[in-house]
N, C-alpha and C. Protein backbone atom coordinates (compact mmCIF):
# COMPACT_ATOMS: atom_id res chain seq x y z
N UNK A 1 54.54 148.20 88.44
CA UNK A 1 54.60 148.79 89.98
C UNK A 1 54.81 147.75 90.86
N UNK A 2 55.56 148.19 91.75
CA UNK A 2 56.15 147.41 92.88
C UNK A 2 54.77 147.27 93.65
N UNK A 3 54.12 146.07 93.79
CA UNK A 3 52.85 145.78 94.47
C UNK A 3 53.05 146.09 96.04
N UNK A 4 54.15 146.05 96.54
CA UNK A 4 54.33 146.45 98.08
C UNK A 4 54.42 147.87 98.36
N UNK A 5 55.00 148.61 97.41
CA UNK A 5 55.13 150.12 97.78
C UNK A 5 54.24 150.91 96.82
N UNK A 6 53.73 150.36 95.83
CA UNK A 6 53.08 151.17 94.73
C UNK A 6 53.98 152.06 93.79
N UNK A 7 55.36 151.91 94.14
CA UNK A 7 56.21 152.85 93.20
C UNK A 7 56.53 152.18 91.98
N UNK A 8 56.88 153.12 90.94
CA UNK A 8 57.38 152.30 89.79
C UNK A 8 58.74 151.38 89.77
N UNK A 9 58.72 150.34 89.44
CA UNK A 9 60.02 149.63 89.38
C UNK A 9 61.27 150.02 88.66
N UNK A 10 62.47 149.93 89.17
CA UNK A 10 63.61 150.62 88.61
C UNK A 10 64.64 149.49 88.50
N UNK A 11 65.62 149.87 87.56
CA UNK A 11 66.62 148.94 87.32
C UNK A 11 67.62 149.27 88.46
N UNK A 12 68.88 148.61 88.45
CA UNK A 12 69.84 148.80 89.52
C UNK A 12 70.51 150.17 89.38
N UNK A 13 70.19 150.89 88.36
CA UNK A 13 70.81 152.32 88.18
C UNK A 13 69.88 153.58 88.35
N UNK A 14 68.57 152.92 89.01
CA UNK A 14 67.63 153.91 89.23
C UNK A 14 66.46 154.26 88.23
N UNK A 15 66.72 153.68 87.07
CA UNK A 15 65.90 154.13 86.04
C UNK A 15 64.66 153.23 85.89
N UNK A 16 63.62 153.92 85.50
CA UNK A 16 62.30 153.30 85.39
C UNK A 16 62.26 152.17 84.33
N UNK A 17 61.63 151.03 84.39
CA UNK A 17 61.71 149.88 83.34
C UNK A 17 60.43 149.81 82.94
N UNK A 18 60.02 149.64 81.53
CA UNK A 18 58.76 149.77 80.95
C UNK A 18 58.90 148.08 80.05
N UNK A 19 57.85 147.46 80.40
CA UNK A 19 57.73 146.07 79.62
C UNK A 19 56.53 146.14 78.53
N UNK A 20 56.99 145.89 77.27
CA UNK A 20 56.04 145.75 76.36
C UNK A 20 55.79 144.23 75.89
N UNK A 21 54.44 143.72 75.71
CA UNK A 21 54.43 142.41 75.17
C UNK A 21 54.42 142.70 73.53
N UNK A 22 55.12 141.84 73.12
CA UNK A 22 55.31 141.91 71.48
C UNK A 22 55.11 140.51 70.80
N UNK A 23 54.09 140.53 70.04
CA UNK A 23 53.84 139.27 69.16
C UNK A 23 54.78 139.17 68.02
N UNK A 24 55.54 138.03 68.11
CA UNK A 24 56.57 137.57 67.19
C UNK A 24 55.98 136.34 66.42
N UNK A 25 56.29 136.41 65.11
CA UNK A 25 55.94 135.11 64.21
C UNK A 25 56.91 134.89 62.95
N UNK A 26 57.38 133.69 62.92
CA UNK A 26 58.27 133.15 61.83
C UNK A 26 57.51 133.31 60.70
N UNK A 27 58.05 133.83 59.54
CA UNK A 27 57.34 133.93 58.39
C UNK A 27 56.76 132.70 57.74
N UNK A 28 57.52 131.39 57.96
CA UNK A 28 57.01 130.08 57.71
C UNK A 28 55.90 129.31 58.54
N UNK A 29 55.90 129.93 59.98
CA UNK A 29 55.18 129.29 60.82
C UNK A 29 53.75 130.15 61.10
N UNK A 30 52.68 129.19 61.44
CA UNK A 30 51.38 129.94 61.74
C UNK A 30 51.32 130.54 63.23
N UNK A 31 52.15 129.87 64.14
CA UNK A 31 52.00 129.89 65.66
C UNK A 31 52.84 131.24 66.01
N UNK A 32 52.24 132.16 66.82
CA UNK A 32 53.04 133.40 67.13
C UNK A 32 53.25 133.12 68.59
N UNK A 33 54.42 133.93 69.05
CA UNK A 33 54.76 133.76 70.40
C UNK A 33 54.74 135.25 70.87
N UNK A 34 54.50 135.38 72.17
CA UNK A 34 54.61 136.69 72.86
C UNK A 34 55.68 136.96 73.73
N UNK A 35 56.67 137.93 73.38
CA UNK A 35 57.60 138.02 74.15
C UNK A 35 57.59 139.45 74.88
N UNK A 36 58.04 139.50 76.03
CA UNK A 36 58.08 140.75 76.83
C UNK A 36 59.53 141.32 76.74
N UNK A 37 59.33 142.66 76.39
CA UNK A 37 60.73 143.39 75.95
C UNK A 37 60.86 144.56 77.01
N UNK A 38 61.92 144.66 78.06
CA UNK A 38 62.12 145.72 78.92
C UNK A 38 62.91 146.77 78.13
N UNK A 39 62.27 148.14 78.42
CA UNK A 39 63.03 149.17 77.84
C UNK A 39 62.99 150.38 78.82
N UNK A 40 64.08 151.17 78.69
CA UNK A 40 64.41 152.18 79.66
C UNK A 40 63.39 153.35 79.48
N UNK A 41 62.82 153.63 78.36
CA UNK A 41 61.95 154.78 78.05
C UNK A 41 60.74 154.38 77.82
N UNK A 42 59.63 155.15 78.31
CA UNK A 42 58.12 154.73 77.93
C UNK A 42 57.87 154.94 76.45
N UNK A 43 57.23 153.79 75.87
CA UNK A 43 57.30 153.70 74.57
C UNK A 43 55.84 154.34 74.10
N UNK A 44 55.94 155.70 73.49
CA UNK A 44 54.90 156.35 73.16
C UNK A 44 54.49 156.12 71.64
N UNK A 45 53.06 156.00 71.47
CA UNK A 45 52.62 155.54 70.37
C UNK A 45 52.45 153.84 70.09
N UNK A 46 52.86 153.25 70.89
CA UNK A 46 52.72 151.88 70.59
C UNK A 46 51.40 151.22 71.30
N UNK A 47 50.84 150.74 70.32
CA UNK A 47 49.17 150.21 70.66
C UNK A 47 49.06 148.84 70.08
N UNK A 48 48.21 148.17 70.51
CA UNK A 48 47.99 146.74 70.22
C UNK A 48 47.48 146.75 68.66
N UNK A 49 48.34 145.87 67.91
CA UNK A 49 48.04 145.67 66.39
C UNK A 49 48.94 146.72 65.60
N UNK A 50 49.82 147.45 66.26
CA UNK A 50 50.62 148.27 65.44
C UNK A 50 51.96 147.89 65.18
N UNK A 51 52.42 147.67 64.10
CA UNK A 51 53.94 146.96 63.84
C UNK A 51 54.79 147.90 64.62
N UNK A 52 55.87 147.40 65.03
CA UNK A 52 56.88 148.09 65.97
C UNK A 52 58.29 147.97 65.24
N UNK A 53 59.26 148.84 65.77
CA UNK A 53 60.58 148.77 65.47
C UNK A 53 61.11 148.45 66.80
N UNK A 54 61.98 147.40 66.88
CA UNK A 54 62.70 147.22 68.32
C UNK A 54 64.22 147.65 67.99
N UNK A 55 64.71 148.58 68.87
CA UNK A 55 66.13 149.09 68.68
C UNK A 55 67.08 148.32 69.64
N UNK A 56 68.14 147.86 69.11
CA UNK A 56 69.37 147.04 69.93
C UNK A 56 68.55 146.05 70.95
N UNK A 57 67.87 145.03 70.20
CA UNK A 57 67.34 144.02 71.11
C UNK A 57 68.49 142.86 71.51
N UNK A 58 68.31 142.61 72.77
CA UNK A 58 69.41 141.76 73.31
C UNK A 58 68.56 140.64 74.17
N UNK A 59 68.74 139.52 73.98
CA UNK A 59 68.34 138.44 74.54
C UNK A 59 69.33 137.72 75.73
N UNK A 60 69.00 137.63 76.92
CA UNK A 60 69.76 137.10 78.01
C UNK A 60 69.16 135.92 78.66
N UNK A 61 69.90 134.62 78.56
CA UNK A 61 69.52 133.53 79.28
C UNK A 61 69.69 133.73 80.65
N UNK A 62 68.81 133.17 81.63
CA UNK A 62 69.01 133.30 82.96
C UNK A 62 68.55 131.93 83.65
N UNK A 63 69.24 131.72 84.94
CA UNK A 63 68.76 130.48 85.83
C UNK A 63 68.82 131.06 87.08
N UNK A 64 67.65 130.78 87.95
CA UNK A 64 67.61 131.06 89.25
C UNK A 64 67.12 129.50 89.83
N UNK A 65 68.13 128.79 90.45
CA UNK A 65 67.58 127.39 91.12
C UNK A 65 67.14 126.63 90.06
N UNK A 66 65.99 126.24 89.98
CA UNK A 66 65.25 125.29 89.00
C UNK A 66 64.67 126.04 87.93
N UNK A 67 64.51 127.19 87.98
CA UNK A 67 63.74 128.11 86.98
C UNK A 67 64.86 128.61 86.01
N UNK A 68 64.41 128.68 84.78
CA UNK A 68 65.24 129.20 83.62
C UNK A 68 64.43 129.84 82.65
N UNK A 69 65.10 130.60 81.90
CA UNK A 69 64.24 131.39 80.66
C UNK A 69 65.24 132.16 80.04
N UNK A 70 64.37 133.07 79.20
CA UNK A 70 65.14 134.02 78.42
C UNK A 70 64.56 135.31 78.56
N UNK A 71 65.39 136.43 78.80
CA UNK A 71 64.79 137.79 79.13
C UNK A 71 65.13 138.66 77.95
N UNK A 72 64.36 139.52 77.54
CA UNK A 72 64.66 140.32 76.39
C UNK A 72 64.56 141.85 76.69
N UNK A 73 65.66 142.66 76.31
CA UNK A 73 65.82 144.16 76.58
C UNK A 73 66.09 144.72 75.26
N UNK A 74 65.72 146.08 75.35
CA UNK A 74 65.99 146.81 74.06
C UNK A 74 66.23 148.56 74.53
N UNK A 75 66.91 149.14 73.75
CA UNK A 75 67.05 150.52 73.85
C UNK A 75 65.91 151.39 73.71
N UNK A 76 64.75 150.86 72.85
CA UNK A 76 63.47 151.37 72.35
C UNK A 76 62.60 150.68 71.74
N UNK A 77 61.38 151.02 71.78
CA UNK A 77 60.34 150.52 70.95
C UNK A 77 59.69 151.66 70.17
N UNK A 78 59.57 151.68 69.13
CA UNK A 78 58.54 152.79 68.26
C UNK A 78 57.58 152.03 67.19
N UNK A 79 56.66 152.81 67.17
CA UNK A 79 55.59 152.37 66.22
C UNK A 79 56.35 152.34 64.80
N UNK A 80 55.86 151.09 63.95
CA UNK A 80 56.42 151.30 62.57
C UNK A 80 55.59 151.62 61.39
N UNK A 81 54.12 151.88 62.01
CA UNK A 81 53.26 152.14 60.90
C UNK A 81 51.78 151.88 61.36
N UNK A 82 50.81 152.09 60.51
CA UNK A 82 49.45 151.63 60.78
C UNK A 82 49.21 150.14 61.03
N UNK A 83 47.98 150.05 61.85
CA UNK A 83 47.79 148.52 62.10
C UNK A 83 47.46 147.84 61.05
N UNK A 84 47.75 146.66 60.78
CA UNK A 84 47.35 145.92 59.68
C UNK A 84 47.00 144.34 60.28
N UNK A 85 46.26 143.53 59.62
CA UNK A 85 45.95 142.32 59.98
C UNK A 85 46.99 141.30 59.94
N UNK A 86 47.27 140.42 60.88
CA UNK A 86 48.37 139.78 61.09
C UNK A 86 49.67 140.29 61.55
N UNK A 87 49.58 141.66 62.01
CA UNK A 87 50.94 142.46 62.29
C UNK A 87 51.13 142.06 63.81
N UNK A 88 52.41 142.32 64.30
CA UNK A 88 52.75 141.98 65.43
C UNK A 88 52.03 142.84 66.37
N UNK A 89 51.54 142.32 67.47
CA UNK A 89 50.81 143.17 68.51
C UNK A 89 51.59 143.40 69.57
N UNK A 90 51.54 144.74 70.00
CA UNK A 90 52.32 145.21 71.18
C UNK A 90 51.06 145.57 72.16
N UNK A 91 51.37 145.18 73.43
CA UNK A 91 50.59 145.46 74.78
C UNK A 91 50.87 146.86 75.21
N UNK A 92 49.99 147.34 75.90
CA UNK A 92 50.42 148.54 76.71
C UNK A 92 51.64 148.32 77.50
N UNK A 93 52.14 149.46 77.56
CA UNK A 93 53.55 149.36 78.47
C UNK A 93 53.32 149.69 79.91
N UNK A 94 53.89 148.91 80.88
CA UNK A 94 53.84 148.84 82.22
C UNK A 94 55.26 148.82 82.84
N UNK A 95 55.51 149.74 83.69
CA UNK A 95 56.63 149.28 84.51
C UNK A 95 56.82 148.17 85.36
N UNK A 96 58.09 147.54 85.21
CA UNK A 96 58.31 146.19 85.77
C UNK A 96 59.63 146.07 86.07
N UNK A 97 60.20 145.45 87.14
CA UNK A 97 61.46 145.10 87.45
C UNK A 97 61.96 143.86 86.55
N UNK A 98 63.33 143.93 86.14
CA UNK A 98 63.74 143.07 85.37
C UNK A 98 64.72 142.02 86.03
N UNK A 99 64.76 142.27 87.40
CA UNK A 99 65.67 141.67 88.19
C UNK A 99 66.93 141.45 87.78
N UNK A 100 67.81 142.49 87.85
CA UNK A 100 69.17 142.55 87.53
C UNK A 100 69.50 143.11 86.07
N UNK A 101 70.34 142.27 85.38
CA UNK A 101 70.98 142.67 84.04
C UNK A 101 70.02 142.58 82.99
N UNK A 102 69.12 141.60 83.15
CA UNK A 102 68.06 141.37 82.27
C UNK A 102 66.89 142.48 81.97
C-alpha cells in the first residue's frame, strides 16, 4: 500500500504489484536468504512453510546514487505442495511498488 494515499501500489502500466518473501537455500549451505519477488497477480494459497513454484523469475541489478541491489520479479508464484520442515518459506503477499522495471 502507498502510505500516503492508502491505495494499492501499481506498476507503470497500472497493474497491482504483490511482493512475496521467499526463503532460498542452496543445497550445500546451511544459511538461507529471503528474497522478495514482485508478481502481477495475487498469489493464492501461498503460506509460510509451503514450498512454491516461481514462474519466469527474472533478477535485475539496479543502482540509484550510492544505493544498489538486485530486484526479483516473476509472472506468478503458486504452492508446490504441503509444508515440510526445511522448506522454503513464503510470507503473506502484500502490494508494493517496485520502482520501475524491476
